[in-house]
Structure formats: structure tokens, C-alpha cells
PDB file of N, CA and C in Angstrom:
ATOM      1  N   MET A   1      17.242 -45.394 -10.792  1.00  0.00           N
ATOM      2  CA  MET A   1      15.797 -45.330 -10.652  1.00  0.00           C
ATOM      3  C   MET A   1      15.261 -46.479  -9.802  1.00  0.00           C
ATOM      4  N   SER A   2      15.836 -47.660  -9.956  1.00  0.00           N
ATOM      5  CA  SER A   2      15.355 -48.804  -9.190  1.00  0.00           C
ATOM      6  C   SER A   2      15.664 -48.641  -7.696  1.00  0.00           C
ATOM      7  N   ARG A   3      16.768 -47.956  -7.351  1.00  0.00           N
ATOM      8  CA  ARG A   3      17.081 -47.704  -5.939  1.00  0.00           C
ATOM      9  C   ARG A   3      16.022 -46.818  -5.299  1.00  0.00           C
ATOM     10  N   ILE A   4      15.554 -45.830  -6.039  1.00  0.00           N
ATOM     11  CA  ILE A   4      14.504 -44.938  -5.528  1.00  0.00           C
ATOM     12  C   ILE A   4      13.224 -45.730  -5.308  1.00  0.00           C
ATOM     13  N   LEU A   5      12.843 -46.571  -6.249  1.00  0.00           N
ATOM     14  CA  LEU A   5      11.624 -47.378  -6.129  1.00  0.00           C
ATOM     15  C   LEU A   5      11.733 -48.327  -4.940  1.00  0.00           C
ATOM     16  N   ILE A   6      12.884 -48.973  -4.763  1.00  0.00           N
ATOM     17  CA  ILE A   6      13.082 -49.877  -3.628  1.00  0.00           C
ATOM     18  C   ILE A   6      12.998 -49.103  -2.312  1.00  0.00           C
ATOM     19  N   SER A   7      13.582 -47.921  -2.258  1.00  0.00           N
ATOM     20  CA  SER A   7      13.522 -47.094  -1.041  1.00  0.00           C
ATOM     21  C   SER A   7      12.091 -46.701  -0.719  1.00  0.00           C
ATOM     22  N   ILE A   8      11.331 -46.323  -1.735  1.00  0.00           N
ATOM     23  CA  ILE A   8       9.928 -45.935  -1.527  1.00  0.00           C
ATOM     24  C   ILE A   8       9.122 -47.119  -1.017  1.00  0.00           C
ATOM     25  N   LEU A   9       9.316 -48.299  -1.629  1.00  0.00           N
ATOM     26  CA  LEU A   9       8.582 -49.483  -1.193  1.00  0.00           C
ATOM     27  C   LEU A   9       8.960 -49.872   0.241  1.00  0.00           C
ATOM     28  N   LEU A  10      10.235 -49.721   0.602  1.00  0.00           N
ATOM     29  CA  LEU A  10      10.670 -50.023   1.962  1.00  0.00           C
ATOM     30  C   LEU A  10      10.008 -49.093   2.965  1.00  0.00           C
ATOM     31  N   VAL A  11       9.944 -47.812   2.658  1.00  0.00           N
ATOM     32  CA  VAL A  11       9.295 -46.846   3.542  1.00  0.00           C
ATOM     33  C   VAL A  11       7.814 -47.159   3.675  1.00  0.00           C
ATOM     34  N   ILE A  12       7.149 -47.466   2.571  1.00  0.00           N
ATOM     35  CA  ILE A  12       5.714 -47.798   2.613  1.00  0.00           C
ATOM     36  C   ILE A  12       5.484 -49.039   3.458  1.00  0.00           C
ATOM     37  N   SER A  13       6.320 -50.067   3.295  1.00  0.00           N
ATOM     38  CA  SER A  13       6.126 -51.294   4.068  1.00  0.00           C
ATOM     39  C   SER A  13       6.381 -51.057   5.552  1.00  0.00           C
ATOM     40  N   LEU A  14       7.369 -50.242   5.902  1.00  0.00           N
ATOM     41  CA  LEU A  14       7.634 -49.943   7.300  1.00  0.00           C
ATOM     42  C   LEU A  14       6.499 -49.136   7.922  1.00  0.00           C
ATOM     43  N   CYS A  15       5.919 -48.223   7.185  1.00  0.00           N
ATOM     44  CA  CYS A  15       4.839 -47.378   7.705  1.00  0.00           C
ATOM     45  C   CYS A  15       3.538 -48.150   7.872  1.00  0.00           C
ATOM     46  N   SER A  16       3.371 -49.246   7.129  1.00  0.00           N
ATOM     47  CA  SER A  16       2.106 -49.965   7.208  1.00  0.00           C
ATOM     48  C   SER A  16       2.139 -51.117   8.196  1.00  0.00           C
ATOM     49  N   CYS A  17       3.286 -51.327   8.865  1.00  0.00           N
ATOM     50  CA  CYS A  17       3.378 -52.406   9.850  1.00  0.00           C
ATOM     51  C   CYS A  17       2.538 -52.077  11.065  1.00  0.00           C
ATOM     52  N   LYS A  18       1.894 -53.099  11.637  1.00  0.00           N
ATOM     53  CA  LYS A  18       1.156 -52.853  12.860  1.00  0.00           C
ATOM     54  C   LYS A  18       2.041 -53.113  14.058  1.00  0.00           C
ATOM     55  N   THR A  19       1.752 -52.432  15.138  1.00  0.00           N
ATOM     56  CA  THR A  19       2.529 -52.551  16.348  1.00  0.00           C
ATOM     57  C   THR A  19       1.972 -53.701  17.173  1.00  0.00           C
ATOM     58  N   LEU A  20       2.830 -54.620  17.553  1.00  0.00           N
ATOM     59  CA  LEU A  20       2.404 -55.742  18.383  1.00  0.00           C
ATOM     60  C   LEU A  20       3.104 -55.665  19.722  1.00  0.00           C
ATOM     61  N   GLN A  21       2.351 -55.797  20.797  1.00  0.00           N
ATOM     62  CA  GLN A  21       2.932 -55.789  22.127  1.00  0.00           C
ATOM     63  C   GLN A  21       2.378 -56.975  22.900  1.00  0.00           C
ATOM     64  N   THR A  22       3.247 -57.775  23.421  1.00  0.00           N
ATOM     65  CA  THR A  22       2.924 -58.948  24.236  1.00  0.00           C
ATOM     66  C   THR A  22       1.756 -59.749  23.675  1.00  0.00           C
ATOM     67  N   GLY A  23       1.771 -59.980  22.363  1.00  0.00           N
ATOM     68  CA  GLY A  23       0.785 -60.853  21.758  1.00  0.00           C
ATOM     69  C   GLY A  23      -0.542 -60.207  21.411  1.00  0.00           C
ATOM     70  N   SER A  24      -0.750 -58.961  21.729  1.00  0.00           N
ATOM     71  CA  SER A  24      -2.026 -58.326  21.395  1.00  0.00           C
ATOM     72  C   SER A  24      -1.888 -57.602  20.064  1.00  0.00           C
ATOM     73  N   ASN A  25      -2.996 -57.276  19.462  1.00  0.00           N
ATOM     74  CA  ASN A  25      -2.988 -56.529  18.207  1.00  0.00           C
ATOM     75  C   ASN A  25      -3.280 -55.071  18.480  1.00  0.00           C
ATOM     76  N   MET A  26      -2.291 -54.340  18.965  1.00  0.00           N
ATOM     77  CA  MET A  26      -2.427 -52.908  19.183  1.00  0.00           C
ATOM     78  C   MET A  26      -1.937 -52.237  17.921  1.00  0.00           C
ATOM     79  N   ILE A  27      -2.826 -51.563  17.228  1.00  0.00           N
ATOM     80  CA  ILE A  27      -2.504 -50.980  15.934  1.00  0.00           C
ATOM     81  C   ILE A  27      -2.454 -49.471  16.069  1.00  0.00           C
ATOM     82  N   SER A  28      -1.354 -48.890  15.606  1.00  0.00           N
ATOM     83  CA  SER A  28      -1.194 -47.449  15.660  1.00  0.00           C
ATOM     84  C   SER A  28      -2.363 -46.765  14.945  1.00  0.00           C
ATOM     85  N   GLY A  29      -2.958 -45.775  15.588  1.00  0.00           N
ATOM     86  CA  GLY A  29      -4.073 -45.043  15.005  1.00  0.00           C
ATOM     87  C   GLY A  29      -5.437 -45.594  15.382  1.00  0.00           C
ATOM     88  N   ILE A  30      -5.484 -46.750  15.995  1.00  0.00           N
ATOM     89  CA  ILE A  30      -6.740 -47.363  16.431  1.00  0.00           C
ATOM     90  C   ILE A  30      -6.857 -47.142  17.939  1.00  0.00           C
ATOM     91  N   PRO A  31      -8.014 -46.680  18.427  1.00  0.00           N
ATOM     92  CA  PRO A  31      -8.145 -46.395  19.868  1.00  0.00           C
ATOM     93  C   PRO A  31      -7.886 -47.623  20.729  1.00  0.00           C
ATOM     94  N   TRP A  32      -7.287 -47.381  21.899  1.00  0.00           N
ATOM     95  CA  TRP A  32      -7.163 -48.412  22.924  1.00  0.00           C
ATOM     96  C   TRP A  32      -8.392 -48.304  23.799  1.00  0.00           C
ATOM     97  N   PHE A  33      -8.798 -49.413  24.378  1.00  0.00           N
ATOM     98  CA  PHE A  33      -9.934 -49.411  25.292  1.00  0.00           C
ATOM     99  C   PHE A  33      -9.471 -49.860  26.670  1.00  0.00           C
ATOM    100  N   ASP A  34     -10.027 -49.234  27.704  1.00  0.00           N
ATOM    101  CA  ASP A  34      -9.670 -49.632  29.063  1.00  0.00           C
ATOM    102  C   ASP A  34     -10.502 -50.842  29.469  1.00  0.00           C
ATOM    103  N   THR A  35     -10.310 -51.299  30.687  1.00  0.00           N
ATOM    104  CA  THR A  35     -11.002 -52.501  31.152  1.00  0.00           C
ATOM    105  C   THR A  35     -12.506 -52.304  31.303  1.00  0.00           C
ATOM    106  N   ASN A  36     -12.974 -51.050  31.254  1.00  0.00           N
ATOM    107  CA  ASN A  36     -14.412 -50.764  31.298  1.00  0.00           C
ATOM    108  C   ASN A  36     -15.008 -50.607  29.903  1.00  0.00           C
ATOM    109  N   GLY A  37     -14.182 -50.752  28.855  1.00  0.00           N
ATOM    110  CA  GLY A  37     -14.662 -50.616  27.488  1.00  0.00           C
ATOM    111  C   GLY A  37     -14.663 -49.188  26.973  1.00  0.00           C
ATOM    112  N   ASN A  38     -14.107 -48.259  27.734  1.00  0.00           N
ATOM    113  CA  ASN A  38     -14.024 -46.865  27.308  1.00  0.00           C
ATOM    114  C   ASN A  38     -12.674 -46.610  26.626  1.00  0.00           C
ATOM    115  N   ILE A  39     -12.650 -45.663  25.706  1.00  0.00           N
ATOM    116  CA  ILE A  39     -11.406 -45.310  25.035  1.00  0.00           C
ATOM    117  C   ILE A  39     -10.439 -44.716  26.050  1.00  0.00           C
ATOM    118  N   VAL A  40      -9.183 -45.174  26.014  1.00  0.00           N
ATOM    119  CA  VAL A  40      -8.151 -44.613  26.886  1.00  0.00           C
ATOM    120  C   VAL A  40      -7.947 -43.159  26.482  1.00  0.00           C
ATOM    121  N   ASN A  41      -8.170 -42.259  27.425  1.00  0.00           N
ATOM    122  CA  ASN A  41      -8.117 -40.825  27.178  1.00  0.00           C
ATOM    123  C   ASN A  41      -6.892 -40.261  27.893  1.00  0.00           C
ATOM    124  N   ALA A  42      -5.740 -40.290  27.199  1.00  0.00           N
ATOM    125  CA  ALA A  42      -4.484 -39.876  27.839  1.00  0.00           C
ATOM    126  C   ALA A  42      -3.548 -39.291  26.790  1.00  0.00           C
ATOM    127  N   HIS A  43      -3.944 -38.177  26.213  1.00  0.00           N
ATOM    128  CA  HIS A  43      -3.132 -37.526  25.168  1.00  0.00           C
ATOM    129  C   HIS A  43      -1.789 -37.070  25.744  1.00  0.00           C
ATOM    130  N   GLY A  44      -0.721 -37.206  24.961  1.00  0.00           N
ATOM    131  CA  GLY A  44       0.610 -36.770  25.398  1.00  0.00           C
ATOM    132  C   GLY A  44       1.079 -37.507  26.634  1.00  0.00           C
ATOM    133  N   ALA A  45       0.796 -38.786  26.697  1.00  0.00           N
ATOM    134  CA  ALA A  45       0.982 -39.571  27.915  1.00  0.00           C
ATOM    135  C   ALA A  45       2.432 -39.859  28.268  1.00  0.00           C
ATOM    136  N   CYS A  46       2.621 -40.177  29.539  1.00  0.00           N
ATOM    137  CA  CYS A  46       3.889 -40.735  30.017  1.00  0.00           C
ATOM    138  C   CYS A  46       3.545 -41.978  30.827  1.00  0.00           C
ATOM    139  N   ILE A  47       4.480 -42.911  30.874  1.00  0.00           N
ATOM    140  CA  ILE A  47       4.277 -44.150  31.621  1.00  0.00           C
ATOM    141  C   ILE A  47       5.364 -44.249  32.680  1.00  0.00           C
ATOM    142  N   VAL A  48       4.933 -44.574  33.885  1.00  0.00           N
ATOM    143  CA  VAL A  48       5.833 -44.724  35.018  1.00  0.00           C
ATOM    144  C   VAL A  48       5.635 -46.133  35.572  1.00  0.00           C
ATOM    145  N   GLU A  49       6.727 -46.824  35.891  1.00  0.00           N
ATOM    146  CA  GLU A  49       6.639 -48.163  36.480  1.00  0.00           C
ATOM    147  C   GLU A  49       6.967 -48.067  37.963  1.00  0.00           C
ATOM    148  N   GLU A  50       6.171 -48.727  38.782  1.00  0.00           N
ATOM    149  CA  GLU A  50       6.384 -48.739  40.222  1.00  0.00           C
ATOM    150  C   GLU A  50       6.041 -50.136  40.737  1.00  0.00           C
ATOM    151  N   ASP A  51       7.023 -50.857  41.242  1.00  0.00           N
ATOM    152  CA  ASP A  51       6.827 -52.194  41.818  1.00  0.00           C
ATOM    153  C   ASP A  51       6.104 -53.154  40.862  1.00  0.00           C
ATOM    154  N   GLY A  52       6.495 -53.149  39.610  1.00  0.00           N
ATOM    155  CA  GLY A  52       5.921 -54.079  38.642  1.00  0.00           C
ATOM    156  C   GLY A  52       4.575 -53.667  38.070  1.00  0.00           C
ATOM    157  N   ARG A  53       4.077 -52.524  38.439  1.00  0.00           N
ATOM    158  CA  ARG A  53       2.809 -52.004  37.903  1.00  0.00           C
ATOM    159  C   ARG A  53       3.130 -50.747  37.105  1.00  0.00           C
ATOM    160  N   TYR A  54       2.448 -50.574  35.982  1.00  0.00           N
ATOM    161  CA  TYR A  54       2.681 -49.426  35.114  1.00  0.00           C
ATOM    162  C   TYR A  54       1.530 -48.436  35.280  1.00  0.00           C
ATOM    163  N   TYR A  55       1.875 -47.163  35.278  1.00  0.00           N
ATOM    164  CA  TYR A  55       0.882 -46.094  35.387  1.00  0.00           C
ATOM    165  C   TYR A  55       1.032 -45.176  34.193  1.00  0.00           C
ATOM    166  N   LEU A  56      -0.062 -44.940  33.519  1.00  0.00           N
ATOM    167  CA  LEU A  56      -0.099 -44.077  32.339  1.00  0.00           C
ATOM    168  C   LEU A  56      -0.842 -42.800  32.721  1.00  0.00           C
ATOM    169  N   PHE A  57      -0.192 -41.673  32.568  1.00  0.00           N
ATOM    170  CA  PHE A  57      -0.789 -40.373  32.867  1.00  0.00           C
ATOM    171  C   PHE A  57      -0.840 -39.576  31.574  1.00  0.00           C
ATOM    172  N   GLY A  58      -1.942 -38.911  31.313  1.00  0.00           N
ATOM    173  CA  GLY A  58      -2.046 -38.107  30.104  1.00  0.00           C
ATOM    174  C   GLY A  58      -3.114 -37.040  30.222  1.00  0.00           C
ATOM    175  N   GLU A  59      -3.148 -36.182  29.224  1.00  0.00           N
ATOM    176  CA  GLU A  59      -4.136 -35.101  29.185  1.00  0.00           C
ATOM    177  C   GLU A  59      -5.511 -35.700  28.933  1.00  0.00           C
ATOM    178  N   TYR A  60      -6.467 -35.369  29.784  1.00  0.00           N
ATOM    179  CA  TYR A  60      -7.839 -35.827  29.591  1.00  0.00           C
ATOM    180  C   TYR A  60      -8.506 -34.835  28.660  1.00  0.00           C
ATOM    181  N   LYS A  61      -8.813 -35.263  27.455  1.00  0.00           N
ATOM    182  CA  LYS A  61      -9.335 -34.365  26.411  1.00  0.00           C
ATOM    183  C   LYS A  61     -10.829 -34.571  26.182  1.00  0.00           C
ATOM    184  N   SER A  62     -11.431 -33.557  25.613  1.00  0.00           N
ATOM    185  CA  SER A  62     -12.841 -33.582  25.242  1.00  0.00           C
ATOM    186  C   SER A  62     -12.950 -33.317  23.745  1.00  0.00           C
ATOM    187  N   ASP A  63     -13.974 -33.842  23.122  1.00  0.00           N
ATOM    188  CA  ASP A  63     -14.201 -33.567  21.703  1.00  0.00           C
ATOM    189  C   ASP A  63     -14.828 -32.190  21.482  1.00  0.00           C
ATOM    190  N   THR A  64     -15.288 -31.553  22.562  1.00  0.00           N
ATOM    191  CA  THR A  64     -16.022 -30.302  22.401  1.00  0.00           C
ATOM    192  C   THR A  64     -15.212 -29.049  22.712  1.00  0.00           C
ATOM    193  N   ALA A  65     -14.122 -29.184  23.498  1.00  0.00           N
ATOM    194  CA  ALA A  65     -13.350 -27.994  23.876  1.00  0.00           C
ATOM    195  C   ALA A  65     -11.909 -28.362  24.164  1.00  0.00           C
ATOM    196  N   ASN A  66     -11.006 -27.447  23.859  1.00  0.00           N
ATOM    197  CA  ASN A  66      -9.590 -27.656  24.149  1.00  0.00           C
ATOM    198  C   ASN A  66      -9.226 -26.911  25.426  1.00  0.00           C
ATOM    199  N   VAL A  67      -9.788 -27.355  26.528  1.00  0.00           N
ATOM    200  CA  VAL A  67      -9.525 -26.737  27.827  1.00  0.00           C
ATOM    201  C   VAL A  67      -9.007 -27.797  28.786  1.00  0.00           C
ATOM    202  N   PHE A  68      -8.336 -27.353  29.823  1.00  0.00           N
ATOM    203  CA  PHE A  68      -7.803 -28.253  30.836  1.00  0.00           C
ATOM    204  C   PHE A  68      -8.928 -28.792  31.697  1.00  0.00           C
ATOM    205  N   THR A  69      -9.096 -30.115  31.714  1.00  0.00           N
ATOM    206  CA  THR A  69     -10.083 -30.730  32.605  1.00  0.00           C
ATOM    207  C   THR A  69      -9.407 -31.615  33.641  1.00  0.00           C
ATOM    208  N   GLY A  70      -8.113 -31.845  33.473  1.00  0.00           N
ATOM    209  CA  GLY A  70      -7.354 -32.675  34.395  1.00  0.00           C
ATOM    210  C   GLY A  70      -6.494 -33.662  33.638  1.00  0.00           C
ATOM    211  N   PHE A  71      -5.741 -34.440  34.386  1.00  0.00           N
ATOM    212  CA  PHE A  71      -4.925 -35.486  33.791  1.00  0.00           C
ATOM    213  C   PHE A  71      -5.486 -36.833  34.223  1.00  0.00           C
ATOM    214  N   SER A  72      -5.563 -37.754  33.281  1.00  0.00           N
ATOM    215  CA  SER A  72      -6.081 -39.076  33.584  1.00  0.00           C
ATOM    216  C   SER A  72      -4.959 -39.986  34.056  1.00  0.00           C
ATOM    217  N   CYS A  73      -5.327 -40.982  34.854  1.00  0.00           N
ATOM    218  CA  CYS A  73      -4.388 -41.988  35.327  1.00  0.00           C
ATOM    219  C   CYS A  73      -4.985 -43.364  35.073  1.00  0.00           C
ATOM    220  N   TYR A  74      -4.210 -44.213  34.406  1.00  0.00           N
ATOM    221  CA  TYR A  74      -4.574 -45.604  34.154  1.00  0.00           C
ATOM    222  C   TYR A  74      -3.478 -46.480  34.733  1.00  0.00           C
ATOM    223  N   SER A  75      -3.800 -47.709  35.085  1.00  0.00           N
ATOM    224  CA  SER A  75      -2.781 -48.639  35.567  1.00  0.00           C
ATOM    225  C   SER A  75      -2.884 -49.950  34.801  1.00  0.00           C
ATOM    226  N   SER A  76      -1.736 -50.650  34.740  1.00  0.00           N
ATOM    227  CA  SER A  76      -1.666 -51.907  34.003  1.00  0.00           C
ATOM    228  C   SER A  76      -0.555 -52.783  34.573  1.00  0.00           C
ATOM    229  N   ALA A  77      -0.777 -54.074  34.549  1.00  0.00           N
ATOM    230  CA  ALA A  77       0.262 -55.017  34.949  1.00  0.00           C
ATOM    231  C   ALA A  77       1.052 -55.503  33.741  1.00  0.00           C
ATOM    232  N   ASP A  78       0.487 -55.325  32.527  1.00  0.00           N
ATOM    233  CA  ASP A  78       1.103 -55.913  31.337  1.00  0.00           C
ATOM    234  C   ASP A  78       1.279 -54.957  30.158  1.00  0.00           C
ATOM    235  N   LEU A  79       1.003 -53.675  30.341  1.00  0.00           N
ATOM    236  CA  LEU A  79       1.089 -52.659  29.280  1.00  0.00           C
ATOM    237  C   LEU A  79       0.080 -52.868  28.158  1.00  0.00           C
ATOM    238  N   VAL A  80      -0.857 -53.767  28.342  1.00  0.00           N
ATOM    239  CA  VAL A  80      -1.888 -54.013  27.333  1.00  0.00           C
ATOM    240  C   VAL A  80      -3.264 -53.710  27.892  1.00  0.00           C
ATOM    241  N   ASN A  81      -3.568 -54.220  29.072  1.00  0.00           N
ATOM    242  CA  ASN A  81      -4.870 -54.026  29.704  1.00  0.00           C
ATOM    243  C   ASN A  81      -4.768 -52.867  30.690  1.00  0.00           C
ATOM    244  N   TRP A  82      -5.478 -51.775  30.404  1.00  0.00           N
ATOM    245  CA  TRP A  82      -5.386 -50.553  31.196  1.00  0.00           C
ATOM    246  C   TRP A  82      -6.674 -50.321  31.973  1.00  0.00           C
ATOM    247  N   MET A  83      -6.546 -50.094  33.276  1.00  0.00           N
ATOM    248  CA  MET A  83      -7.690 -49.798  34.128  1.00  0.00           C
ATOM    249  C   MET A  83      -7.674 -48.304  34.460  1.00  0.00           C
ATOM    250  N   PHE A  84      -8.803 -47.643  34.229  1.00  0.00           N
ATOM    251  CA  PHE A  84      -8.910 -46.225  34.578  1.00  0.00           C
ATOM    252  C   PHE A  84      -8.926 -46.114  36.086  1.00  0.00           C
ATOM    253  N   GLU A  85      -8.011 -45.296  36.630  1.00  0.00           N
ATOM    254  CA  GLU A  85      -7.951 -45.090  38.075  1.00  0.00           C
ATOM    255  C   GLU A  85      -8.769 -43.868  38.477  1.00  0.00           C
ATOM    256  N   ARG A  86      -8.436 -42.734  37.915  1.00  0.00           N
ATOM    257  CA  ARG A  86      -9.164 -41.496  38.220  1.00  0.00           C
ATOM    258  C   ARG A  86      -8.529 -40.334  37.475  1.00  0.00           C
ATOM    259  N   ILE A  87      -9.178 -39.178  37.562  1.00  0.00           N
ATOM    260  CA  ILE A  87      -8.587 -37.935  37.079  1.00  0.00           C
ATOM    261  C   ILE A  87      -7.709 -37.408  38.208  1.00  0.00           C
ATOM    262  N   VAL A  88      -6.427 -37.220  37.901  1.00  0.00           N
ATOM    263  CA  VAL A  88      -5.508 -36.657  38.892  1.00  0.00           C
ATOM    264  C   VAL A  88      -5.245 -35.205  38.501  1.00  0.00           C
ATOM    265  N   LEU A  89      -5.041 -34.378  39.482  1.00  0.00           N
ATOM    266  CA  LEU A  89      -4.853 -32.946  39.261  1.00  0.00           C
ATOM    267  C   LEU A  89      -5.996 -32.373  38.414  1.00  0.00           C
ATOM    268  N   PRO A  90      -7.221 -32.460  38.918  1.00  0.00           N
ATOM    269  CA  PRO A  90      -8.371 -31.975  38.157  1.00  0.00           C
ATOM    270  C   PRO A  90      -8.401 -30.448  38.072  1.00  0.00           C
ATOM    271  N   GLN A  91      -9.235 -29.959  37.173  1.00  0.00           N
ATOM    272  CA  GLN A  91      -9.416 -28.520  37.038  1.00  0.00           C
ATOM    273  C   GLN A  91      -9.930 -27.950  38.360  1.00  0.00           C
ATOM    274  N   GLN A  92      -9.400 -26.774  38.733  1.00  0.00           N
ATOM    275  CA  GLN A  92      -9.846 -26.115  39.946  1.00  0.00           C
ATOM    276  C   GLN A  92     -10.768 -24.947  39.596  1.00  0.00           C
ATOM    277  N   LYS A  93     -11.411 -24.383  40.592  1.00  0.00           N
ATOM    278  CA  LYS A  93     -12.375 -23.303  40.347  1.00  0.00           C
ATOM    279  C   LYS A  93     -11.718 -22.038  39.822  1.00  0.00           C
ATOM    280  N   GLU A  94     -10.449 -21.798  40.209  1.00  0.00           N
ATOM    281  CA  GLU A  94      -9.739 -20.596  39.764  1.00  0.00           C
ATOM    282  C   GLU A  94      -8.240 -20.827  39.841  1.00  0.00           C
ATOM    283  N   GLY A  95      -7.460 -19.865  39.387  1.00  0.00           N
ATOM    284  CA  GLY A  95      -6.008 -19.953  39.470  1.00  0.00           C
ATOM    285  C   GLY A  95      -5.382 -20.609  38.245  1.00  0.00           C
ATOM    286  N   LEU A  96      -4.128 -21.044  38.418  1.00  0.00           N
ATOM    287  CA  LEU A  96      -3.388 -21.621  37.298  1.00  0.00           C
ATOM    288  C   LEU A  96      -4.012 -22.900  36.757  1.00  0.00           C
ATOM    289  N   LEU A  97      -4.762 -23.598  37.582  1.00  0.00           N
ATOM    290  CA  LEU A  97      -5.440 -24.817  37.133  1.00  0.00           C
ATOM    291  C   LEU A  97      -6.939 -24.588  36.998  1.00  0.00           C
ATOM    292  N   GLY A  98      -7.319 -23.351  36.783  1.00  0.00           N
ATOM    293  CA  GLY A  98      -8.722 -22.978  36.705  1.00  0.00           C
ATOM    294  C   GLY A  98      -9.292 -23.069  35.295  1.00  0.00           C
ATOM    295  N   PRO A  99     -10.489 -22.559  35.123  1.00  0.00           N
ATOM    296  CA  PRO A  99     -11.162 -22.578  33.824  1.00  0.00           C
ATOM    297  C   PRO A  99     -10.362 -21.838  32.753  1.00  0.00           C
ATOM    298  N   ARG A 100     -10.553 -22.200  31.534  1.00  0.00           N
ATOM    299  CA  ARG A 100      -9.931 -21.599  30.352  1.00  0.00           C
ATOM    300  C   ARG A 100      -8.399 -21.750  30.371  1.00  0.00           C
ATOM    301  N   ARG A 101      -7.918 -22.803  30.967  1.00  0.00           N
ATOM    302  CA  ARG A 101      -6.487 -23.108  30.971  1.00  0.00           C
ATOM    303  C   ARG A 101      -6.236 -24.349  30.128  1.00  0.00           C
ATOM    304  N   ILE A 102      -4.988 -24.544  29.747  1.00  0.00           N
ATOM    305  CA  ILE A 102      -4.610 -25.729  28.982  1.00  0.00           C
ATOM    306  C   ILE A 102      -3.465 -26.413  29.720  1.00  0.00           C
ATOM    307  N   GLY A 103      -3.617 -27.690  30.010  1.00  0.00           N
ATOM    308  CA  GLY A 103      -2.559 -28.494  30.634  1.00  0.00           C
ATOM    309  C   GLY A 103      -2.035 -29.460  29.587  1.00  0.00           C
ATOM    310  N   GLU A 104      -0.734 -29.472  29.397  1.00  0.00           N
ATOM    311  CA  GLU A 104      -0.167 -30.310  28.339  1.00  0.00           C
ATOM    312  C   GLU A 104       1.037 -31.091  28.826  1.00  0.00           C
ATOM    313  N   ARG A 105       1.256 -32.239  28.179  1.00  0.00           N
ATOM    314  CA  ARG A 105       2.458 -33.059  28.327  1.00  0.00           C
ATOM    315  C   ARG A 105       2.814 -33.330  29.786  1.00  0.00           C
ATOM    316  N   VAL A 106       1.945 -34.016  30.457  1.00  0.00           N
ATOM    317  CA  VAL A 106       2.121 -34.339  31.872  1.00  0.00           C
ATOM    318  C   VAL A 106       3.421 -35.118  32.093  1.00  0.00           C
ATOM    319  N   LYS A 107       4.099 -34.771  33.161  1.00  0.00           N
ATOM    320  CA  LYS A 107       5.310 -35.468  33.591  1.00  0.00           C
ATOM    321  C   LYS A 107       5.086 -35.897  35.037  1.00  0.00           C
ATOM    322  N   VAL A 108       5.335 -37.144  35.341  1.00  0.00           N
ATOM    323  CA  VAL A 108       5.086 -37.667  36.679  1.00  0.00           C
ATOM    324  C   VAL A 108       6.324 -38.403  37.164  1.00  0.00           C
ATOM    325  N   MET A 109       6.680 -38.144  38.407  1.00  0.00           N
ATOM    326  CA  MET A 109       7.796 -38.849  39.044  1.00  0.00           C
ATOM    327  C   MET A 109       7.354 -39.250  40.440  1.00  0.00           C
ATOM    328  N   HIS A 110       7.942 -40.295  40.956  1.00  0.00           N
ATOM    329  CA  HIS A 110       7.666 -40.725  42.316  1.00  0.00           C
ATOM    330  C   HIS A 110       8.870 -40.403  43.181  1.00  0.00           C
ATOM    331  N   CYS A 111       8.634 -39.751  44.271  1.00  0.00           N
ATOM    332  CA  CYS A 111       9.705 -39.431  45.214  1.00  0.00           C
ATOM    333  C   CYS A 111       9.681 -40.488  46.309  1.00  0.00           C
ATOM    334  N   PRO A 112      10.701 -41.351  46.380  1.00  0.00           N
ATOM    335  CA  PRO A 112      10.696 -42.429  47.374  1.00  0.00           C
ATOM    336  C   PRO A 112      10.643 -41.939  48.822  1.00  0.00           C
ATOM    337  N   ALA A 113      11.037 -40.713  49.082  1.00  0.00           N
ATOM    338  CA  ALA A 113      11.035 -40.204  50.452  1.00  0.00           C
ATOM    339  C   ALA A 113       9.629 -39.859  50.939  1.00  0.00           C
ATOM    340  N   LEU A 114       8.672 -39.737  50.016  1.00  0.00           N
ATOM    341  CA  LEU A 114       7.298 -39.397  50.388  1.00  0.00           C
ATOM    342  C   LEU A 114       6.446 -40.647  50.489  1.00  0.00           C
ATOM    343  N   PRO A 115       5.460 -40.652  51.378  1.00  0.00           N
ATOM    344  CA  PRO A 115       4.564 -41.814  51.459  1.00  0.00           C
ATOM    345  C   PRO A 115       3.749 -41.931  50.177  1.00  0.00           C
ATOM    346  N   GLN A 116       3.413 -43.154  49.806  1.00  0.00           N
ATOM    347  CA  GLN A 116       2.651 -43.364  48.583  1.00  0.00           C
ATOM    348  C   GLN A 116       1.184 -43.047  48.827  1.00  0.00           C
ATOM    349  N   ALA A 117       0.592 -42.393  47.846  1.00  0.00           N
ATOM    350  CA  ALA A 117      -0.839 -42.121  47.899  1.00  0.00           C
ATOM    351  C   ALA A 117      -1.580 -43.355  47.421  1.00  0.00           C
ATOM    352  N   SER A 118      -2.677 -43.651  48.024  1.00  0.00           N
ATOM    353  CA  SER A 118      -3.471 -44.813  47.577  1.00  0.00           C
ATOM    354  C   SER A 118      -4.350 -44.384  46.421  1.00  0.00           C
ATOM    355  N   MET A 119      -4.502 -45.274  45.479  1.00  0.00           N
ATOM    356  CA  MET A 119      -5.345 -45.000  44.322  1.00  0.00           C
ATOM    357  C   MET A 119      -6.758 -45.256  44.725  1.00  0.00           C
TER     358      MET A 119
END
């Protein structure tokens, strides 16, 4: 019985730990804010590193509708302070990226053979 109690307490203590990254208090479940003070809006995000800069891409979500509005892009030098760059691959007037569509789990890669796009 005591082994079960110890296991339960260990699981509870592990689940209640806060996540710390590079000295900041980033707590799981608490919104992150970008450098403009807005909540980072990047559901299902991926992070790509390019020349010492990190780029976070994710689904740009709304509280009012579950429709595709585009994917957001943020950049950071330290994985803590995120600057909103822009909406990449925004919703189009029609077609596969048109109204009443859902875009999920963005994946981004950089092809070194192609010229870099400026942010």
C-alpha cells in the first residue's frame, strides 16, 4: 500500500512542476505573450532554427470559429521572447485554402537551394 501512495505522490509532484526555460518562469497552461503584449497564437506549433534565430509557426486560432485563417509566424533569439512576424499562408478567397477550411499541424522546412524570403 505504501508503494502505491509513494507512486501517486511522485506523479502528483511531477505534474505540478513548472517549466523553466533560460531563467524565465514559463508555466505550462499559462499563456505566453509576444513582444507586443499579445498572446502567442500558434496552436500545434513547430519551431525551426535558422542561423541562430528560432521561428515558431502554428495555427492562428479564433475564439469564435474553428476555421482556417492562416498560420502565424513568430521569431525569437532566445526561445523566450517571441516577436510576431506575420500570418503566413493566409486564408484565400476560394480553393483548398479558402473559407470553411481547417488548417492543422503546420510543418515548415527551409530548402537551402531556394533564396530566403524576407520577413
